[in-house]
Amino acid sequence: MSSYKELLAQREKLEKQIEEAKAREYAEVLNEIKQKMSDYGITLAELGGGRGAKNAKAGRVRTGVAPKYRDPDSGNTWSGRGKPPRWIAGQDREKFLIQK
């Protein structure tokens, strides 16, 4: 039966072998992928991987839609998009229009 220290030494040796095999196989697989992409004219964009940190597009700032209706009682506004708020639902919207 192996001692604790012997087992630790074996584990260290195996971990080193695992890392070496992984690095070797990684390079082989990467070369295969590059070759297939070249053969078939596949781009990174087609794979969905073309947005790394270097070439990521800047986030677009969304501006809000100007309000079209105002509740005279509470001052709440609504743009006219989406589900109507309770204060305007079922009523004539003309009387809530914001005059420009």
PDB file of N, CA and C in Angstrom:
ATOM      1  N   MET A   1       0.838  -1.174   0.000  1.00  0.00           N
ATOM      2  CA  MET A   1       0.000   0.000   0.000  1.00  0.00           C
ATOM      3  C   MET A   1       0.890   1.247   0.000  1.00  0.00           C
ATOM      4  N   SER A   2       0.502   2.241  -0.798  1.00  0.00           N
ATOM      5  CA  SER A   2       1.287   3.468  -0.934  1.00  0.00           C
ATOM      6  C   SER A   2       1.055   4.396   0.248  1.00  0.00           C
ATOM      7  N   SER A   3       2.118   5.148   0.565  1.00  0.00           N
ATOM      8  CA  SER A   3       1.991   6.114   1.649  1.00  0.00           C
ATOM      9  C   SER A   3       1.365   7.403   1.118  1.00  0.00           C
ATOM     10  N   TYR A   4       0.994   8.241   2.058  1.00  0.00           N
ATOM     11  CA  TYR A   4       0.362   9.525   1.717  1.00  0.00           C
ATOM     12  C   TYR A   4       1.278  10.358   0.837  1.00  0.00           C
ATOM     13  N   LYS A   5       2.549  10.469   1.198  1.00  0.00           N
ATOM     14  CA  LYS A   5       3.501  11.281   0.435  1.00  0.00           C
ATOM     15  C   LYS A   5       3.726  10.703  -0.957  1.00  0.00           C
ATOM     16  N   GLU A   6       3.752   9.400  -1.065  1.00  0.00           N
ATOM     17  CA  GLU A   6       3.920   8.769  -2.380  1.00  0.00           C
ATOM     18  C   GLU A   6       2.720   9.070  -3.275  1.00  0.00           C
ATOM     19  N   LEU A   7       1.540   9.013  -2.692  1.00  0.00           N
ATOM     20  CA  LEU A   7       0.333   9.306  -3.466  1.00  0.00           C
ATOM     21  C   LEU A   7       0.307  10.763  -3.918  1.00  0.00           C
ATOM     22  N   LEU A   8       0.733  11.682  -3.045  1.00  0.00           N
ATOM     23  CA  LEU A   8       0.802  13.093  -3.430  1.00  0.00           C
ATOM     24  C   LEU A   8       1.783  13.294  -4.580  1.00  0.00           C
ATOM     25  N   ALA A   9       2.911  12.616  -4.543  1.00  0.00           N
ATOM     26  CA  ALA A   9       3.909  12.723  -5.616  1.00  0.00           C
ATOM     27  C   ALA A   9       3.335  12.178  -6.923  1.00  0.00           C
ATOM     28  N   GLN A  10       2.619  11.073  -6.831  1.00  0.00           N
ATOM     29  CA  GLN A  10       1.983  10.499  -8.029  1.00  0.00           C
ATOM     30  C   GLN A  10       0.953  11.464  -8.603  1.00  0.00           C
ATOM     31  N   ARG A  11       0.162  12.068  -7.704  1.00  0.00           N
ATOM     32  CA  ARG A  11      -0.855  13.011  -8.162  1.00  0.00           C
ATOM     33  C   ARG A  11      -0.208  14.194  -8.872  1.00  0.00           C
ATOM     34  N   GLU A  12       0.869  14.715  -8.292  1.00  0.00           N
ATOM     35  CA  GLU A  12       1.560  15.852  -8.903  1.00  0.00           C
ATOM     36  C   GLU A  12       2.084  15.482 -10.292  1.00  0.00           C
ATOM     37  N   LYS A  13       2.639  14.291 -10.404  1.00  0.00           N
ATOM     38  CA  LYS A  13       3.161  13.814 -11.691  1.00  0.00           C
ATOM     39  C   LYS A  13       2.024  13.669 -12.704  1.00  0.00           C
ATOM     40  N   LEU A  14       0.898  13.112 -12.273  1.00  0.00           N
ATOM     41  CA  LEU A  14      -0.255  12.943 -13.165  1.00  0.00           C
ATOM     42  C   LEU A  14      -0.832  14.286 -13.594  1.00  0.00           C
ATOM     43  N   GLU A  15      -0.923  15.230 -12.671  1.00  0.00           N
ATOM     44  CA  GLU A  15      -1.453  16.551 -13.014  1.00  0.00           C
ATOM     45  C   GLU A  15      -0.584  17.237 -14.057  1.00  0.00           C
ATOM     46  N   LYS A  16       0.738  17.064 -13.945  1.00  0.00           N
ATOM     47  CA  LYS A  16       1.651  17.638 -14.931  1.00  0.00           C
ATOM     48  C   LYS A  16       1.427  16.984 -16.294  1.00  0.00           C
ATOM     49  N   GLN A  17       1.277  15.670 -16.314  1.00  0.00           N
ATOM     50  CA  GLN A  17       1.023  14.947 -17.566  1.00  0.00           C
ATOM     51  C   GLN A  17      -0.305  15.383 -18.184  1.00  0.00           C
ATOM     52  N   ILE A  18      -1.306  15.592 -17.342  1.00  0.00           N
ATOM     53  CA  ILE A  18      -2.623  16.031 -17.824  1.00  0.00           C
ATOM     54  C   ILE A  18      -2.504  17.393 -18.486  1.00  0.00           C
ATOM     55  N   GLU A  19      -1.803  18.320 -17.854  1.00  0.00           N
ATOM     56  CA  GLU A  19      -1.634  19.664 -18.418  1.00  0.00           C
ATOM     57  C   GLU A  19      -0.900  19.618 -19.750  1.00  0.00           C
ATOM     58  N   GLU A  20       0.147  18.801 -19.835  1.00  0.00           N
ATOM     59  CA  GLU A  20       0.906  18.682 -21.082  1.00  0.00           C
ATOM     60  C   GLU A  20       0.038  18.106 -22.196  1.00  0.00           C
ATOM     61  N   ALA A  21      -0.734  17.067 -21.887  1.00  0.00           N
ATOM     62  CA  ALA A  21      -1.606  16.451 -22.893  1.00  0.00           C
ATOM     63  C   ALA A  21      -2.682  17.428 -23.343  1.00  0.00           C
ATOM     64  N   LYS A  22      -3.223  18.171 -22.410  1.00  0.00           N
ATOM     65  CA  LYS A  22      -4.264  19.147 -22.746  1.00  0.00           C
ATOM     66  C   LYS A  22      -3.709  20.219 -23.669  1.00  0.00           C
ATOM     67  N   ALA A  23      -2.526  20.738 -23.353  1.00  0.00           N
ATOM     68  CA  ALA A  23      -1.919  21.775 -24.188  1.00  0.00           C
ATOM     69  C   ALA A  23      -1.632  21.249 -25.587  1.00  0.00           C
ATOM     70  N   ARG A  24      -1.112  20.039 -25.674  1.00  0.00           N
ATOM     71  CA  ARG A  24      -0.798  19.425 -26.970  1.00  0.00           C
ATOM     72  C   ARG A  24      -2.073  19.211 -27.790  1.00  0.00           C
ATOM     73  N   GLU A  25      -3.097  18.648 -27.185  1.00  0.00           N
ATOM     74  CA  GLU A  25      -4.346  18.381 -27.898  1.00  0.00           C
ATOM     75  C   GLU A  25      -5.078  19.669 -28.238  1.00  0.00           C
ATOM     76  N   TYR A  26      -4.984  20.663 -27.382  1.00  0.00           N
ATOM     77  CA  TYR A  26      -5.621  21.955 -27.642  1.00  0.00           C
ATOM     78  C   TYR A  26      -5.079  22.542 -28.938  1.00  0.00           C
ATOM     79  N   ALA A  27      -3.761  22.542 -29.080  1.00  0.00           N
ATOM     80  CA  ALA A  27      -3.142  23.087 -30.287  1.00  0.00           C
ATOM     81  C   ALA A  27      -3.598  22.315 -31.524  1.00  0.00           C
ATOM     82  N   GLU A  28      -3.676  21.000 -31.421  1.00  0.00           N
ATOM     83  CA  GLU A  28      -4.113  20.176 -32.554  1.00  0.00           C
ATOM     84  C   GLU A  28      -5.559  20.487 -32.939  1.00  0.00           C
ATOM     85  N   VAL A  29      -6.426  20.549 -31.956  1.00  0.00           N
ATOM     86  CA  VAL A  29      -7.845  20.820 -32.214  1.00  0.00           C
ATOM     87  C   VAL A  29      -8.020  22.215 -32.798  1.00  0.00           C
ATOM     88  N   LEU A  30      -7.303  23.185 -32.258  1.00  0.00           N
ATOM     89  CA  LEU A  30      -7.392  24.551 -32.766  1.00  0.00           C
ATOM     90  C   LEU A  30      -6.963  24.618 -34.228  1.00  0.00           C
ATOM     91  N   ASN A  31      -5.892  23.922 -34.576  1.00  0.00           N
ATOM     92  CA  ASN A  31      -5.453  23.893 -35.975  1.00  0.00           C
ATOM     93  C   ASN A  31      -6.486  23.229 -36.875  1.00  0.00           C
ATOM     94  N   GLU A  32      -7.110  22.157 -36.402  1.00  0.00           N
ATOM     95  CA  GLU A  32      -8.161  21.489 -37.180  1.00  0.00           C
ATOM     96  C   GLU A  32      -9.334  22.431 -37.429  1.00  0.00           C
ATOM     97  N   ILE A  33      -9.743  23.140 -36.405  1.00  0.00           N
ATOM     98  CA  ILE A  33     -10.872  24.071 -36.533  1.00  0.00           C
ATOM     99  C   ILE A  33     -10.535  25.173 -37.520  1.00  0.00           C
ATOM    100  N   LYS A  34      -9.342  25.746 -37.396  1.00  0.00           N
ATOM    101  CA  LYS A  34      -8.929  26.802 -38.324  1.00  0.00           C
ATOM    102  C   LYS A  34      -8.919  26.298 -39.761  1.00  0.00           C
ATOM    103  N   GLN A  35      -8.431  25.074 -39.961  1.00  0.00           N
ATOM    104  CA  GLN A  35      -8.375  24.504 -41.309  1.00  0.00           C
ATOM    105  C   GLN A  35      -9.780  24.301 -41.873  1.00  0.00           C
ATOM    106  N   LYS A  36     -10.692  23.773 -41.080  1.00  0.00           N
ATOM    107  CA  LYS A  36     -12.078  23.564 -41.536  1.00  0.00           C
ATOM    108  C   LYS A  36     -12.742  24.898 -41.862  1.00  0.00           C
ATOM    109  N   MET A  37     -12.510  25.900 -41.028  1.00  0.00           N
ATOM    110  CA  MET A  37     -13.094  27.215 -41.288  1.00  0.00           C
ATOM    111  C   MET A  37     -12.567  27.773 -42.599  1.00  0.00           C
ATOM    112  N   SER A  38     -11.283  27.600 -42.834  1.00  0.00           N
ATOM    113  CA  SER A  38     -10.679  28.079 -44.074  1.00  0.00           C
ATOM    114  C   SER A  38     -11.231  27.309 -45.274  1.00  0.00           C
ATOM    115  N   ASP A  39     -11.334  25.992 -45.153  1.00  0.00           N
ATOM    116  CA  ASP A  39     -11.829  25.153 -46.258  1.00  0.00           C
ATOM    117  C   ASP A  39     -13.251  25.518 -46.664  1.00  0.00           C
ATOM    118  N   TYR A  40     -14.089  25.816 -45.689  1.00  0.00           N
ATOM    119  CA  TYR A  40     -15.498  26.077 -45.960  1.00  0.00           C
ATOM    120  C   TYR A  40     -15.857  27.562 -45.956  1.00  0.00           C
ATOM    121  N   GLY A  41     -14.892  28.424 -45.744  1.00  0.00           N
ATOM    122  CA  GLY A  41     -15.146  29.864 -45.763  1.00  0.00           C
ATOM    123  C   GLY A  41     -16.013  30.333 -44.607  1.00  0.00           C
ATOM    124  N   ILE A  42     -15.871  29.711 -43.469  1.00  0.00           N
ATOM    125  CA  ILE A  42     -16.667  30.066 -42.290  1.00  0.00           C
ATOM    126  C   ILE A  42     -15.984  31.219 -41.561  1.00  0.00           C
ATOM    127  N   THR A  43     -16.774  32.220 -41.169  1.00  0.00           N
ATOM    128  CA  THR A  43     -16.232  33.366 -40.442  1.00  0.00           C
ATOM    129  C   THR A  43     -16.603  33.282 -38.964  1.00  0.00           C
ATOM    130  N   LEU A  44     -15.909  34.077 -38.153  1.00  0.00           N
ATOM    131  CA  LEU A  44     -16.236  34.120 -36.724  1.00  0.00           C
ATOM    132  C   LEU A  44     -17.648  34.627 -36.493  1.00  0.00           C
ATOM    133  N   ALA A  45     -18.083  35.566 -37.323  1.00  0.00           N
ATOM    134  CA  ALA A  45     -19.438  36.108 -37.176  1.00  0.00           C
ATOM    135  C   ALA A  45     -20.479  35.012 -37.370  1.00  0.00           C
ATOM    136  N   GLU A  46     -20.223  34.095 -38.294  1.00  0.00           N
ATOM    137  CA  GLU A  46     -21.170  32.996 -38.522  1.00  0.00           C
ATOM    138  C   GLU A  46     -21.225  32.047 -37.330  1.00  0.00           C
ATOM    139  N   LEU A  47     -20.140  31.968 -36.599  1.00  0.00           N
ATOM    140  CA  LEU A  47     -20.112  31.114 -35.412  1.00  0.00           C
ATOM    141  C   LEU A  47     -20.709  31.807 -34.201  1.00  0.00           C
ATOM    142  N   GLY A  48     -20.926  33.112 -34.329  1.00  0.00           N
ATOM    143  CA  GLY A  48     -21.479  33.870 -33.211  1.00  0.00           C
ATOM    144  C   GLY A  48     -20.426  34.243 -32.190  1.00  0.00           C
ATOM    145  N   GLY A  49     -19.173  34.140 -32.555  1.00  0.00           N
ATOM    146  CA  GLY A  49     -18.108  34.440 -31.612  1.00  0.00           C
ATOM    147  C   GLY A  49     -17.290  35.648 -31.988  1.00  0.00           C
ATOM    148  N   GLY A  50     -17.815  36.528 -32.797  1.00  0.00           N
ATOM    149  CA  GLY A  50     -17.049  37.673 -33.249  1.00  0.00           C
ATOM    150  C   GLY A  50     -17.173  38.891 -32.368  1.00  0.00           C
ATOM    151  N   ARG A  51     -17.664  38.752 -31.143  1.00  0.00           N
ATOM    152  CA  ARG A  51     -17.861  39.933 -30.290  1.00  0.00           C
ATOM    153  C   ARG A  51     -17.069  39.803 -28.999  1.00  0.00           C
ATOM    154  N   GLY A  52     -15.782  39.617 -29.134  1.00  0.00           N
ATOM    155  CA  GLY A  52     -14.927  39.551 -27.957  1.00  0.00           C
ATOM    156  C   GLY A  52     -14.730  40.940 -27.372  1.00  0.00           C
ATOM    157  N   ALA A  53     -13.891  41.034 -26.371  1.00  0.00           N
ATOM    158  CA  ALA A  53     -13.658  42.317 -25.704  1.00  0.00           C
ATOM    159  C   ALA A  53     -13.029  43.336 -26.643  1.00  0.00           C
ATOM    160  N   LYS A  54     -12.191  42.887 -27.571  1.00  0.00           N
ATOM    161  CA  LYS A  54     -11.520  43.816 -28.475  1.00  0.00           C
ATOM    162  C   LYS A  54     -12.474  44.470 -29.459  1.00  0.00           C
ATOM    163  N   ASN A  55     -13.387  43.678 -30.023  1.00  0.00           N
ATOM    164  CA  ASN A  55     -14.229  44.217 -31.086  1.00  0.00           C
ATOM    165  C   ASN A  55     -15.706  44.286 -30.715  1.00  0.00           C
ATOM    166  N   ALA A  56     -16.004  44.332 -29.438  1.00  0.00           N
ATOM    167  CA  ALA A  56     -17.399  44.445 -29.011  1.00  0.00           C
ATOM    168  C   ALA A  56     -17.919  45.839 -29.347  1.00  0.00           C
ATOM    169  N   LYS A  57     -19.133  45.895 -29.817  1.00  0.00           N
ATOM    170  CA  LYS A  57     -19.739  47.183 -30.143  1.00  0.00           C
ATOM    171  C   LYS A  57     -20.132  47.894 -28.858  1.00  0.00           C
ATOM    172  N   ALA A  58     -20.019  49.200 -28.892  1.00  0.00           N
ATOM    173  CA  ALA A  58     -20.422  49.985 -27.726  1.00  0.00           C
ATOM    174  C   ALA A  58     -21.931  49.877 -27.555  1.00  0.00           C
ATOM    175  N   GLY A  59     -22.377  49.868 -26.333  1.00  0.00           N
ATOM    176  CA  GLY A  59     -23.809  49.788 -26.054  1.00  0.00           C
ATOM    177  C   GLY A  59     -24.534  51.025 -26.549  1.00  0.00           C
ATOM    178  N   ARG A  60     -25.684  50.821 -27.109  1.00  0.00           N
ATOM    179  CA  ARG A  60     -26.460  51.930 -27.646  1.00  0.00           C
ATOM    180  C   ARG A  60     -27.303  52.537 -26.536  1.00  0.00           C
ATOM    181  N   VAL A  61     -27.267  53.839 -26.442  1.00  0.00           N
ATOM    182  CA  VAL A  61     -28.057  54.528 -25.428  1.00  0.00           C
ATOM    183  C   VAL A  61     -29.463  54.716 -25.978  1.00  0.00           C
ATOM    184  N   ARG A  62     -30.437  54.237 -25.232  1.00  0.00           N
ATOM    185  CA  ARG A  62     -31.820  54.357 -25.671  1.00  0.00           C
ATOM    186  C   ARG A  62     -32.430  55.596 -25.049  1.00  0.00           C
ATOM    187  N   THR A  63     -33.029  56.398 -25.889  1.00  0.00           N
ATOM    188  CA  THR A  63     -33.706  57.586 -25.375  1.00  0.00           C
ATOM    189  C   THR A  63     -35.173  57.251 -25.183  1.00  0.00           C
ATOM    190  N   GLY A  64     -35.762  57.824 -24.176  1.00  0.00           N
ATOM    191  CA  GLY A  64     -37.169  57.571 -23.897  1.00  0.00           C
ATOM    192  C   GLY A  64     -38.070  58.300 -24.880  1.00  0.00           C
ATOM    193  N   VAL A  65     -39.275  57.834 -24.997  1.00  0.00           N
ATOM    194  CA  VAL A  65     -40.266  58.465 -25.866  1.00  0.00           C
ATOM    195  C   VAL A  65     -40.932  59.591 -25.077  1.00  0.00           C
ATOM    196  N   ALA A  66     -41.112  60.708 -25.731  1.00  0.00           N
ATOM    197  CA  ALA A  66     -41.735  61.854 -25.061  1.00  0.00           C
ATOM    198  C   ALA A  66     -43.165  61.507 -24.667  1.00  0.00           C
ATOM    199  N   PRO A  67     -43.610  61.955 -23.497  1.00  0.00           N
ATOM    200  CA  PRO A  67     -44.985  61.668 -23.080  1.00  0.00           C
ATOM    201  C   PRO A  67     -45.993  62.390 -23.968  1.00  0.00           C
ATOM    202  N   LYS A  68     -47.100  61.721 -24.213  1.00  0.00           N
ATOM    203  CA  LYS A  68     -48.150  62.274 -25.075  1.00  0.00           C
ATOM    204  C   LYS A  68     -49.383  62.657 -24.258  1.00  0.00           C
ATOM    205  N   TYR A  69     -49.576  61.979 -23.129  1.00  0.00           N
ATOM    206  CA  TYR A  69     -50.751  62.205 -22.286  1.00  0.00           C
ATOM    207  C   TYR A  69     -50.311  62.497 -20.854  1.00  0.00           C
ATOM    208  N   ARG A  70     -51.080  63.365 -20.150  1.00  0.00           N
ATOM    209  CA  ARG A  70     -50.795  63.687 -18.751  1.00  0.00           C
ATOM    210  C   ARG A  70     -52.086  63.611 -17.945  1.00  0.00           C
ATOM    211  N   ASP A  71     -51.981  62.996 -16.760  1.00  0.00           N
ATOM    212  CA  ASP A  71     -53.109  62.932 -15.835  1.00  0.00           C
ATOM    213  C   ASP A  71     -53.154  64.257 -15.078  1.00  0.00           C
ATOM    214  N   PRO A  72     -54.238  65.038 -15.217  1.00  0.00           N
ATOM    215  CA  PRO A  72     -54.299  66.334 -14.542  1.00  0.00           C
ATOM    216  C   PRO A  72     -54.313  66.223 -13.015  1.00  0.00           C
ATOM    217  N   ASP A  73     -54.783  65.116 -12.480  1.00  0.00           N
ATOM    218  CA  ASP A  73     -54.863  64.962 -11.026  1.00  0.00           C
ATOM    219  C   ASP A  73     -53.502  64.637 -10.401  1.00  0.00           C
ATOM    220  N   SER A  74     -52.821  63.641 -10.941  1.00  0.00           N
ATOM    221  CA  SER A  74     -51.567  63.194 -10.329  1.00  0.00           C
ATOM    222  C   SER A  74     -50.319  63.720 -11.034  1.00  0.00           C
ATOM    223  N   GLY A  75     -50.466  64.164 -12.279  1.00  0.00           N
ATOM    224  CA  GLY A  75     -49.313  64.624 -13.045  1.00  0.00           C
ATOM    225  C   GLY A  75     -48.565  63.497 -13.735  1.00  0.00           C
ATOM    226  N   ASN A  76     -49.043  62.266 -13.585  1.00  0.00           N
ATOM    227  CA  ASN A  76     -48.414  61.132 -14.262  1.00  0.00           C
ATOM    228  C   ASN A  76     -48.560  61.285 -15.765  1.00  0.00           C
ATOM    229  N   THR A  77     -47.566  60.770 -16.495  1.00  0.00           N
ATOM    230  CA  THR A  77     -47.607  60.857 -17.958  1.00  0.00           C
ATOM    231  C   THR A  77     -47.554  59.474 -18.572  1.00  0.00           C
ATOM    232  N   TRP A  78     -47.933  59.426 -19.857  1.00  0.00           N
ATOM    233  CA  TRP A  78     -47.910  58.178 -20.623  1.00  0.00           C
ATOM    234  C   TRP A  78     -47.570  58.526 -22.055  1.00  0.00           C
ATOM    235  N   SER A  79     -46.724  57.720 -22.685  1.00  0.00           N
ATOM    236  CA  SER A  79     -46.275  57.990 -24.050  1.00  0.00           C
ATOM    237  C   SER A  79     -47.291  57.574 -25.105  1.00  0.00           C
ATOM    238  N   GLY A  80     -48.277  56.788 -24.720  1.00  0.00           N
ATOM    239  CA  GLY A  80     -49.235  56.281 -25.697  1.00  0.00           C
ATOM    240  C   GLY A  80     -48.834  54.911 -26.220  1.00  0.00           C
ATOM    241  N   ARG A  81     -47.726  54.395 -25.729  1.00  0.00           N
ATOM    242  CA  ARG A  81     -47.250  53.071 -26.138  1.00  0.00           C
ATOM    243  C   ARG A  81     -47.472  52.081 -25.005  1.00  0.00           C
ATOM    244  N   GLY A  82     -47.792  50.869 -25.368  1.00  0.00           N
ATOM    245  CA  GLY A  82     -47.997  49.839 -24.355  1.00  0.00           C
ATOM    246  C   GLY A  82     -49.381  49.911 -23.747  1.00  0.00           C
ATOM    247  N   LYS A  83     -49.555  49.179 -22.659  1.00  0.00           N
ATOM    248  CA  LYS A  83     -50.850  49.113 -21.989  1.00  0.00           C
ATOM    249  C   LYS A  83     -51.177  50.465 -21.353  1.00  0.00           C
ATOM    250  N   PRO A  84     -52.393  50.982 -21.587  1.00  0.00           N
ATOM    251  CA  PRO A  84     -52.762  52.280 -20.995  1.00  0.00           C
ATOM    252  C   PRO A  84     -52.854  52.194 -19.472  1.00  0.00           C
ATOM    253  N   PRO A  85     -52.403  53.238 -18.773  1.00  0.00           N
ATOM    254  CA  PRO A  85     -52.534  53.241 -17.315  1.00  0.00           C
ATOM    255  C   PRO A  85     -53.996  53.369 -16.899  1.00  0.00           C
ATOM    256  N   ARG A  86     -54.270  53.050 -15.645  1.00  0.00           N
ATOM    257  CA  ARG A  86     -55.654  53.061 -15.150  1.00  0.00           C
ATOM    258  C   ARG A  86     -56.317  54.420 -15.299  1.00  0.00           C
ATOM    259  N   TRP A  87     -55.573  55.490 -15.094  1.00  0.00           N
ATOM    260  CA  TRP A  87     -56.177  56.821 -15.111  1.00  0.00           C
ATOM    261  C   TRP A  87     -56.675  57.235 -16.491  1.00  0.00           C
ATOM    262  N   ILE A  88     -56.260  56.536 -17.558  1.00  0.00           N
ATOM    263  CA  ILE A  88     -56.716  56.901 -18.903  1.00  0.00           C
ATOM    264  C   ILE A  88     -57.531  55.783 -19.555  1.00  0.00           C
ATOM    265  N   ALA A  89     -57.461  54.592 -19.002  1.00  0.00           N
ATOM    266  CA  ALA A  89     -58.137  53.443 -19.607  1.00  0.00           C
ATOM    267  C   ALA A  89     -59.641  53.668 -19.663  1.00  0.00           C
ATOM    268  N   GLY A  90     -60.212  53.468 -20.829  1.00  0.00           N
ATOM    269  CA  GLY A  90     -61.654  53.577 -21.015  1.00  0.00           C
ATOM    270  C   GLY A  90     -62.173  54.998 -21.092  1.00  0.00           C
ATOM    271  N   GLN A  91     -61.305  55.989 -21.179  1.00  0.00           N
ATOM    272  CA  GLN A  91     -61.740  57.387 -21.240  1.00  0.00           C
ATOM    273  C   GLN A  91     -61.309  57.998 -22.575  1.00  0.00           C
ATOM    274  N   ASP A  92     -61.865  59.166 -22.860  1.00  0.00           N
ATOM    275  CA  ASP A  92     -61.504  59.892 -24.074  1.00  0.00           C
ATOM    276  C   ASP A  92     -60.092  60.458 -23.892  1.00  0.00           C
ATOM    277  N   ARG A  93     -59.177  60.024 -24.711  1.00  0.00           N
ATOM    278  CA  ARG A  93     -57.776  60.421 -24.573  1.00  0.00           C
ATOM    279  C   ARG A  93     -57.528  61.870 -24.976  1.00  0.00           C
ATOM    280  N   GLU A  94     -58.431  62.449 -25.721  1.00  0.00           N
ATOM    281  CA  GLU A  94     -58.259  63.834 -26.174  1.00  0.00           C
ATOM    282  C   GLU A  94     -58.094  64.806 -25.004  1.00  0.00           C
ATOM    283  N   LYS A  95     -58.836  64.580 -23.924  1.00  0.00           N
ATOM    284  CA  LYS A  95     -58.766  65.518 -22.799  1.00  0.00           C
ATOM    285  C   LYS A  95     -57.484  65.360 -21.980  1.00  0.00           C
ATOM    286  N   PHE A  96     -56.690  64.315 -22.251  1.00  0.00           N
ATOM    287  CA  PHE A  96     -55.428  64.092 -21.550  1.00  0.00           C
ATOM    288  C   PHE A  96     -54.211  64.468 -22.400  1.00  0.00           C
ATOM    289  N   LEU A  97     -54.421  64.858 -23.660  1.00  0.00           N
ATOM    290  CA  LEU A  97     -53.312  65.194 -24.557  1.00  0.00           C
ATOM    291  C   LEU A  97     -52.489  66.346 -24.004  1.00  0.00           C
ATOM    292  N   ILE A  98     -51.180  66.233 -24.127  1.00  0.00           N
ATOM    293  CA  ILE A  98     -50.281  67.315 -23.719  1.00  0.00           C
ATOM    294  C   ILE A  98     -50.173  68.276 -24.895  1.00  0.00           C
ATOM    295  N   GLN A  99     -50.473  69.535 -24.653  1.00  0.00           N
ATOM    296  CA  GLN A  99     -50.400  70.557 -25.703  1.00  0.00           C
ATOM    297  C   GLN A  99     -48.945  70.966 -25.895  1.00  0.00           C
ATOM    298  N   LYS A 100     -48.529  71.038 -27.147  1.00  0.00           N
ATOM    299  CA  LYS A 100     -47.132  71.403 -27.434  1.00  0.00           C
ATOM    300  C   LYS A 100     -46.998  72.834 -27.815  1.00  0.00           C
TER     301      LYS A 100
END
